[in-house]
Amino acid sequence: MPAAHSSIPRSKPVLILFGAIIGITLLIGIVATFSVKPDMLFMHCDLALKSEMPDIVAAYLRETGVQVELHLGTSEELLKDISERRRGDLFLPANESYISRANEKNLLIRTFPLPGPVTARASKGNSTRVQVHNSPVDAPIAISILKCSPNPKAAEKFARYVAGLETE
């Protein structure tokens, strides 16, 4: 009995299968890249605060288990990056004028003014709180939650922590 002949060459099903595998692999990679990690925040932070923030970030990690990745740059560079990429959870510029500019661009959900220049953490028992001292930043500053944040509740909790407010 002669074998049934198909109008589709044998190599075409292999190519379709191969294409499907590549497509699924790319889709998984894209989803993994943009997936929300509840134990990780991404903060755009001005270079003027680079010596202060690692202590605050480390204390927050110890207390909550949430890691905060710092993206350092000038406030101008950070604002441009946020505007173009729409990536990140928090914005901490060295001057409140950048908060105003970010608001004009409709990039922010909420802003928390800081009680003063943040430079160190003071421990009280197991808890760590913001302490206000002299800072390389003399202007009033604030920390803001970005609209592009995949986890705005976690971002607000960190912003309230930095601002010395009760976390809800």
C-alpha atoms as a PDB file:
ATOM      1  CA  MET A   1       0.000   0.000   0.000  1.00  0.00           C
ATOM      2  CA  PRO A   2       1.485   3.313  -0.964  1.00  0.00           C
ATOM      3  CA  ALA A   3       2.149   5.849   1.771  1.00  0.00           C
ATOM      4  CA  ALA A   4      -0.196   8.833   1.909  1.00  0.00           C
ATOM      5  CA  HIS A   5       1.460  11.930   0.625  1.00  0.00           C
ATOM      6  CA  SER A   6       0.930  15.239   2.340  1.00  0.00           C
ATOM      7  CA  SER A   7       1.066  18.549   0.545  1.00  0.00           C
ATOM      8  CA  ILE A   8       3.139  19.909   3.470  1.00  0.00           C
ATOM      9  CA  PRO A   9       6.792  19.070   3.256  1.00  0.00           C
ATOM     10  CA  ARG A  10       8.190  17.368   6.366  1.00  0.00           C
ATOM     11  CA  SER A  11      10.462  20.314   7.097  1.00  0.00           C
ATOM     12  CA  LYS A  12       7.550  22.776   7.439  1.00  0.00           C
ATOM     13  CA  PRO A  13       6.078  21.191  10.633  1.00  0.00           C
ATOM     14  CA  VAL A  14       9.581  21.182  12.128  1.00  0.00           C
ATOM     15  CA  LEU A  15       9.964  24.882  11.326  1.00  0.00           C
ATOM     16  CA  ILE A  16       6.547  25.666  12.846  1.00  0.00           C
ATOM     17  CA  LEU A  17       7.449  23.752  16.021  1.00  0.00           C
ATOM     18  CA  PHE A  18      10.836  25.463  16.206  1.00  0.00           C
ATOM     19  CA  GLY A  19       9.213  28.907  15.751  1.00  0.00           C
ATOM     20  CA  ALA A  20       6.663  28.148  18.475  1.00  0.00           C
ATOM     21  CA  ILE A  21       9.426  27.140  20.900  1.00  0.00           C
ATOM     22  CA  ILE A  22      11.347  30.345  20.195  1.00  0.00           C
ATOM     23  CA  GLY A  23       8.179  32.431  20.605  1.00  0.00           C
ATOM     24  CA  ILE A  24       7.313  30.827  23.943  1.00  0.00           C
ATOM     25  CA  THR A  25      10.884  31.253  25.185  1.00  0.00           C
ATOM     26  CA  LEU A  26      10.852  34.963  24.276  1.00  0.00           C
ATOM     27  CA  LEU A  27       7.470  35.439  25.921  1.00  0.00           C
ATOM     28  CA  ILE A  28       8.689  33.825  29.148  1.00  0.00           C
ATOM     29  CA  GLY A  29      11.783  36.063  29.106  1.00  0.00           C
ATOM     30  CA  ILE A  30       9.718  39.211  28.634  1.00  0.00           C
ATOM     31  CA  VAL A  31       7.289  38.278  31.405  1.00  0.00           C
ATOM     32  CA  ALA A  32      10.168  37.442  33.768  1.00  0.00           C
ATOM     33  CA  THR A  33      11.847  40.775  33.029  1.00  0.00           C
ATOM     34  CA  PHE A  34       8.751  42.804  33.858  1.00  0.00           C
ATOM     35  CA  SER A  35       7.322  40.661  36.626  1.00  0.00           C
ATOM     36  CA  VAL A  36       6.662  42.250  40.005  1.00  0.00           C
ATOM     37  CA  LYS A  37       8.975  41.141  42.755  1.00  0.00           C
ATOM     38  CA  PRO A  38       7.249  41.968  46.040  1.00  0.00           C
ATOM     39  CA  ASP A  39      10.566  41.808  47.878  1.00  0.00           C
ATOM     40  CA  MET A  40      12.352  44.313  45.592  1.00  0.00           C
ATOM     41  CA  LEU A  41      11.965  48.033  44.885  1.00  0.00           C
ATOM     42  CA  PHE A  42      13.814  50.192  42.361  1.00  0.00           C
ATOM     43  CA  MET A  43      14.605  53.771  43.436  1.00  0.00           C
ATOM     44  CA  HIS A  44      15.978  56.614  41.330  1.00  0.00           C
ATOM     45  CA  CYS A  45      18.220  58.496  43.781  1.00  0.00           C
ATOM     46  CA  ASP A  46      20.325  61.628  43.298  1.00  0.00           C
ATOM     47  CA  LEU A  47      24.094  61.167  43.539  1.00  0.00           C
ATOM     48  CA  ALA A  48      24.235  63.779  46.312  1.00  0.00           C
ATOM     49  CA  LEU A  49      22.536  61.226  48.581  1.00  0.00           C
ATOM     50  CA  LYS A  50      24.650  58.216  47.613  1.00  0.00           C
ATOM     51  CA  SER A  51      26.543  58.097  50.914  1.00  0.00           C
ATOM     52  CA  GLU A  52      23.352  58.244  53.009  1.00  0.00           C
ATOM     53  CA  MET A  53      21.011  55.882  51.209  1.00  0.00           C
ATOM     54  CA  PRO A  54      22.895  52.570  51.506  1.00  0.00           C
ATOM     55  CA  ASP A  55      22.509  52.659  55.308  1.00  0.00           C
ATOM     56  CA  ILE A  56      18.800  53.400  55.019  1.00  0.00           C
ATOM     57  CA  VAL A  57      18.327  50.690  52.387  1.00  0.00           C
ATOM     58  CA  ALA A  58      20.261  48.147  54.490  1.00  0.00           C
ATOM     59  CA  ALA A  59      18.220  48.965  57.601  1.00  0.00           C
ATOM     60  CA  TYR A  60      14.982  48.623  55.642  1.00  0.00           C
ATOM     61  CA  LEU A  61      16.100  45.263  54.273  1.00  0.00           C
ATOM     62  CA  ARG A  62      16.930  44.033  57.788  1.00  0.00           C
ATOM     63  CA  GLU A  63      13.564  45.178  59.151  1.00  0.00           C
ATOM     64  CA  THR A  64      11.282  44.150  56.293  1.00  0.00           C
ATOM     65  CA  GLY A  65      13.150  41.748  54.013  1.00  0.00           C
ATOM     66  CA  VAL A  66      12.478  44.110  51.087  1.00  0.00           C
ATOM     67  CA  GLN A  67      15.505  45.001  48.990  1.00  0.00           C
ATOM     68  CA  VAL A  68      15.746  48.475  47.434  1.00  0.00           C
ATOM     69  CA  GLU A  69      17.950  48.782  44.368  1.00  0.00           C
ATOM     70  CA  LEU A  70      19.420  52.260  43.914  1.00  0.00           C
ATOM     71  CA  HIS A  71      19.761  53.842  40.479  1.00  0.00           C
ATOM     72  CA  LEU A  72      22.105  56.786  41.027  1.00  0.00           C
ATOM     73  CA  GLY A  73      22.466  59.863  38.838  1.00  0.00           C
ATOM     74  CA  THR A  74      21.858  63.575  38.788  1.00  0.00           C
ATOM     75  CA  SER A  75      18.259  64.602  39.370  1.00  0.00           C
ATOM     76  CA  GLU A  76      18.105  65.816  35.765  1.00  0.00           C
ATOM     77  CA  GLU A  77      19.356  62.472  34.403  1.00  0.00           C
ATOM     78  CA  LEU A  78      17.002  60.518  36.645  1.00  0.00           C
ATOM     79  CA  LEU A  79      13.967  62.564  35.623  1.00  0.00           C
ATOM     80  CA  LYS A  80      14.834  62.084  31.958  1.00  0.00           C
ATOM     81  CA  ASP A  81      15.262  58.327  32.502  1.00  0.00           C
ATOM     82  CA  ILE A  82      11.925  58.052  34.318  1.00  0.00           C
ATOM     83  CA  SER A  83      10.188  60.068  31.581  1.00  0.00           C
ATOM     84  CA  GLU A  84      11.607  57.951  28.767  1.00  0.00           C
ATOM     85  CA  ARG A  85      11.639  54.457  30.255  1.00  0.00           C
ATOM     86  CA  ARG A  86       8.707  54.577  32.692  1.00  0.00           C
ATOM     87  CA  ARG A  87      10.575  52.213  34.982  1.00  0.00           C
ATOM     88  CA  GLY A  88      11.023  52.267  38.745  1.00  0.00           C
ATOM     89  CA  ASP A  89       9.136  52.604  42.011  1.00  0.00           C
ATOM     90  CA  LEU A  90      10.520  55.706  43.725  1.00  0.00           C
ATOM     91  CA  PHE A  91      12.170  59.038  42.922  1.00  0.00           C
ATOM     92  CA  LEU A  92      14.422  60.868  45.389  1.00  0.00           C
ATOM     93  CA  PRO A  93      15.926  63.952  43.753  1.00  0.00           C
ATOM     94  CA  ALA A  94      18.261  66.373  45.526  1.00  0.00           C
ATOM     95  CA  ASN A  95      15.862  69.275  45.008  1.00  0.00           C
ATOM     96  CA  GLU A  96      12.080  69.560  45.178  1.00  0.00           C
ATOM     97  CA  SER A  97      11.996  71.431  41.870  1.00  0.00           C
ATOM     98  CA  TYR A  98      12.433  68.030  40.202  1.00  0.00           C
ATOM     99  CA  ILE A  99       9.365  66.749  42.055  1.00  0.00           C
ATOM    100  CA  SER A 100       7.427  69.679  40.551  1.00  0.00           C
ATOM    101  CA  ARG A 101       8.753  68.863  37.093  1.00  0.00           C
ATOM    102  CA  ALA A 102       7.864  65.174  37.520  1.00  0.00           C
ATOM    103  CA  ASN A 103       4.346  66.215  38.605  1.00  0.00           C
ATOM    104  CA  GLU A 104       4.026  68.392  35.503  1.00  0.00           C
ATOM    105  CA  LYS A 105       4.866  65.306  33.419  1.00  0.00           C
ATOM    106  CA  ASN A 106       2.250  63.290  35.355  1.00  0.00           C
ATOM    107  CA  LEU A 107       4.828  60.758  36.577  1.00  0.00           C
ATOM    108  CA  LEU A 108       4.014  60.653  40.307  1.00  0.00           C
ATOM    109  CA  ILE A 109       1.317  59.070  42.466  1.00  0.00           C
ATOM    110  CA  ARG A 110       2.213  60.614  45.807  1.00  0.00           C
ATOM    111  CA  THR A 111       5.025  62.580  47.428  1.00  0.00           C
ATOM    112  CA  PHE A 112       6.257  62.566  51.017  1.00  0.00           C
ATOM    113  CA  PRO A 113       8.333  65.542  52.166  1.00  0.00           C
ATOM    114  CA  LEU A 114      11.306  64.517  54.261  1.00  0.00           C
ATOM    115  CA  PRO A 115      11.600  66.077  57.724  1.00  0.00           C
ATOM    116  CA  GLY A 116      15.060  67.403  56.893  1.00  0.00           C
ATOM    117  CA  PRO A 117      18.275  66.289  55.238  1.00  0.00           C
ATOM    118  CA  VAL A 118      18.610  62.545  55.667  1.00  0.00           C
ATOM    119  CA  THR A 119      22.106  61.293  56.405  1.00  0.00           C
ATOM    120  CA  ALA A 120      22.060  58.521  58.964  1.00  0.00           C
ATOM    121  CA  ARG A 121      19.963  55.999  60.807  1.00  0.00           C
ATOM    122  CA  ALA A 122      19.619  55.835  64.570  1.00  0.00           C
ATOM    123  CA  SER A 123      18.767  52.495  66.110  1.00  0.00           C
ATOM    124  CA  LYS A 124      16.224  52.207  68.905  1.00  0.00           C
ATOM    125  CA  GLY A 125      16.126  48.609  70.000  1.00  0.00           C
ATOM    126  CA  ASN A 126      15.283  46.531  66.939  1.00  0.00           C
ATOM    127  CA  SER A 127      13.832  49.499  65.055  1.00  0.00           C
ATOM    128  CA  THR A 128      15.706  51.993  62.918  1.00  0.00           C
ATOM    129  CA  ARG A 129      14.432  55.504  62.253  1.00  0.00           C
ATOM    130  CA  VAL A 130      15.379  58.446  60.109  1.00  0.00           C
ATOM    131  CA  GLN A 131      17.693  60.914  61.768  1.00  0.00           C
ATOM    132  CA  VAL A 132      18.137  64.449  60.505  1.00  0.00           C
ATOM    133  CA  HIS A 133      21.652  65.917  60.352  1.00  0.00           C
ATOM    134  CA  ASN A 134      23.738  68.080  58.086  1.00  0.00           C
ATOM    135  CA  SER A 135      23.639  66.815  54.536  1.00  0.00           C
ATOM    136  CA  PRO A 136      25.227  67.595  51.203  1.00  0.00           C
ATOM    137  CA  VAL A 137      21.677  68.523  50.147  1.00  0.00           C
ATOM    138  CA  ASP A 138      20.565  71.808  51.729  1.00  0.00           C
ATOM    139  CA  ALA A 139      17.276  72.286  49.871  1.00  0.00           C
ATOM    140  CA  PRO A 140      14.103  70.622  51.135  1.00  0.00           C
ATOM    141  CA  ILE A 141      13.711  67.227  49.533  1.00  0.00           C
ATOM    142  CA  ALA A 142      10.928  64.713  49.139  1.00  0.00           C
ATOM    143  CA  ILE A 143      10.531  61.106  48.069  1.00  0.00           C
ATOM    144  CA  SER A 144       7.864  60.244  45.506  1.00  0.00           C
ATOM    145  CA  ILE A 145       6.097  57.120  44.324  1.00  0.00           C
ATOM    146  CA  LEU A 146       6.187  56.733  40.552  1.00  0.00           C
ATOM    147  CA  LYS A 147       3.060  55.942  38.527  1.00  0.00           C
ATOM    148  CA  CYS A 148       5.030  53.301  36.657  1.00  0.00           C
ATOM    149  CA  SER A 149       5.660  51.388  39.908  1.00  0.00           C
ATOM    150  CA  PRO A 150       4.506  47.782  39.587  1.00  0.00           C
ATOM    151  CA  ASN A 151       4.095  47.699  43.372  1.00  0.00           C
ATOM    152  CA  PRO A 152       2.921  51.120  44.616  1.00  0.00           C
ATOM    153  CA  LYS A 153       1.878  49.819  48.058  1.00  0.00           C
ATOM    154  CA  ALA A 154       5.380  48.525  48.795  1.00  0.00           C
ATOM    155  CA  ALA A 155       6.848  51.763  47.372  1.00  0.00           C
ATOM    156  CA  GLU A 156       4.611  53.830  49.663  1.00  0.00           C
ATOM    157  CA  LYS A 157       5.671  51.781  52.673  1.00  0.00           C
ATOM    158  CA  PHE A 158       9.343  52.525  51.930  1.00  0.00           C
ATOM    159  CA  ALA A 159       8.626  56.217  51.225  1.00  0.00           C
ATOM    160  CA  ARG A 160       6.810  56.529  54.567  1.00  0.00           C
ATOM    161  CA  TYR A 161       9.734  54.767  56.252  1.00  0.00           C
ATOM    162  CA  VAL A 162      12.263  57.210  54.787  1.00  0.00           C
ATOM    163  CA  ALA A 163      10.026  60.165  55.694  1.00  0.00           C
ATOM    164  CA  GLY A 164       9.805  58.909  59.291  1.00  0.00           C
ATOM    165  CA  LEU A 165       6.034  58.352  59.105  1.00  0.00           C
ATOM    166  CA  GLU A 166       4.047  55.451  60.440  1.00  0.00           C
ATOM    167  CA  THR A 167       3.782  52.664  57.914  1.00  0.00           C
ATOM    168  CA  GLU A 168       0.211  51.642  57.209  1.00  0.00           C
END
